[in-house]
C-alpha atoms as a PDB file:
ATOM      1  CA  MET A   1      99.553  93.923 106.567  1.00  0.00           C
ATOM      2  CA  LYS A   2     101.299  90.737 106.797  1.00  0.00           C
ATOM      3  CA  GLU A   3      98.191  88.699 105.923  1.00  0.00           C
ATOM      4  CA  LEU A   4      97.739  91.217 102.856  1.00  0.00           C
ATOM      5  CA  GLY A   5     101.439  90.550 101.857  1.00  0.00           C
ATOM      6  CA  LYS A   6     100.965  86.911 102.066  1.00  0.00           C
ATOM      7  CA  ARG A   7      97.884  87.094  99.769  1.00  0.00           C
ATOM      8  CA  HIS A   8      99.931  89.219  97.348  1.00  0.00           C
ATOM      9  CA  LYS A   9     102.553  86.705  97.340  1.00  0.00           C
ATOM     10  CA  GLY A  10      99.911  83.954  96.613  1.00  0.00           C
ATOM     11  CA  TYR A  11      98.918  85.965  93.501  1.00  0.00           C
ATOM     12  CA  GLY A  12     102.494  86.071  92.100  1.00  0.00           C
ATOM     13  CA  VAL A  13     103.431  89.484  93.202  1.00  0.00           C
ATOM     14  CA  THR A  14     107.127  89.759  93.607  1.00  0.00           C
ATOM     15  CA  ALA A  15     109.129  92.252  96.020  1.00  0.00           C
ATOM     16  CA  ASP A  16     110.446  93.955  92.877  1.00  0.00           C
ATOM     17  CA  GLN A  17     106.894  94.893  91.807  1.00  0.00           C
ATOM     18  CA  TYR A  18     106.314  97.038  94.945  1.00  0.00           C
ATOM     19  CA  ALA A  19     108.744 100.047  93.938  1.00  0.00           C
ATOM     20  CA  PRO A  20     106.798 100.658  90.528  1.00  0.00           C
ATOM     21  CA  VAL A  21     103.558 100.376  92.400  1.00  0.00           C
ATOM     22  CA  GLY A  22     104.749 102.970  94.932  1.00  0.00           C
ATOM     23  CA  ALA A  23     105.887 105.294  92.159  1.00  0.00           C
ATOM     24  CA  ALA A  24     102.662 105.167  90.477  1.00  0.00           C
ATOM     25  CA  LEU A  25     100.755 105.705  93.781  1.00  0.00           C
ATOM     26  CA  LEU A  26     102.856 108.732  94.412  1.00  0.00           C
ATOM     27  CA  TRP A  27     102.405 110.250  91.077  1.00  0.00           C
ATOM     28  CA  THR A  28      98.632 109.717  91.241  1.00  0.00           C
ATOM     29  CA  LEU A  29      98.542 111.426  94.624  1.00  0.00           C
ATOM     30  CA  GLU A  30     100.803 114.287  93.218  1.00  0.00           C
ATOM     31  CA  LYS A  31      98.321 114.703  90.091  1.00  0.00           C
ATOM     32  CA  GLY A  32      95.248 114.466  92.417  1.00  0.00           C
ATOM     33  CA  LEU A  33      96.321 116.827  95.184  1.00  0.00           C
ATOM     34  CA  GLY A  34      97.916 119.354  92.824  1.00  0.00           C
ATOM     35  CA  PRO A  35      99.122 122.288  95.078  1.00  0.00           C
ATOM     36  CA  ASP A  36      98.340 120.525  98.164  1.00  0.00           C
ATOM     37  CA  TRP A  37     101.136 118.025  97.179  1.00  0.00           C
ATOM     38  CA  THR A  38     104.021 119.521  99.357  1.00  0.00           C
ATOM     39  CA  PRO A  39     107.386 118.222 100.141  1.00  0.00           C
ATOM     40  CA  GLU A  40     105.981 117.331 103.520  1.00  0.00           C
ATOM     41  CA  VAL A  41     103.061 115.407 102.163  1.00  0.00           C
ATOM     42  CA  GLN A  42     105.349 113.618  99.648  1.00  0.00           C
ATOM     43  CA  ALA A  43     107.800 112.671 102.389  1.00  0.00           C
ATOM     44  CA  ALA A  44     104.794 111.280 104.487  1.00  0.00           C
ATOM     45  CA  TRP A  45     103.429 109.231 101.826  1.00  0.00           C
ATOM     46  CA  THR A  46     106.780 107.928 100.815  1.00  0.00           C
ATOM     47  CA  GLU A  47     107.356 106.891 104.350  1.00  0.00           C
ATOM     48  CA  THR A  48     104.030 105.279 104.600  1.00  0.00           C
ATOM     49  CA  TYR A  49     104.194 103.316 101.472  1.00  0.00           C
ATOM     50  CA  THR A  50     107.753 102.193 102.108  1.00  0.00           C
ATOM     51  CA  ALA A  51     106.795 100.962 105.663  1.00  0.00           C
ATOM     52  CA  LEU A  52     103.868  99.184 104.419  1.00  0.00           C
ATOM     53  CA  ALA A  53     105.629  97.642 101.466  1.00  0.00           C
ATOM     54  CA  GLY A  54     108.355  96.575 103.750  1.00  0.00           C
ATOM     55  CA  VAL A  55     105.846  94.615 106.062  1.00  0.00           C
ATOM     56  CA  MET A  56     104.079  93.199 103.109  1.00  0.00           C
ATOM     57  CA  THR A  57     107.315  91.852 101.424  1.00  0.00           C
ATOM     58  CA  THR A  58     108.707  90.113 104.482  1.00  0.00           C
ATOM     59  CA  ALA A  59     105.391  88.269 105.218  1.00  0.00           C
END
């Protein structure tokens, strides 16, 4: 993930851009999963994306 974060930085991606991407990802998953999008699933995906974005932005 650190290497991916470094590549993204090289593409011009800023730390501020990770939040809207995360929001779009969660929205897409919610729409795609429909009734399977439970509070537990949302919490797990939010935690996962937050952790990955954190590693990527500190790289």
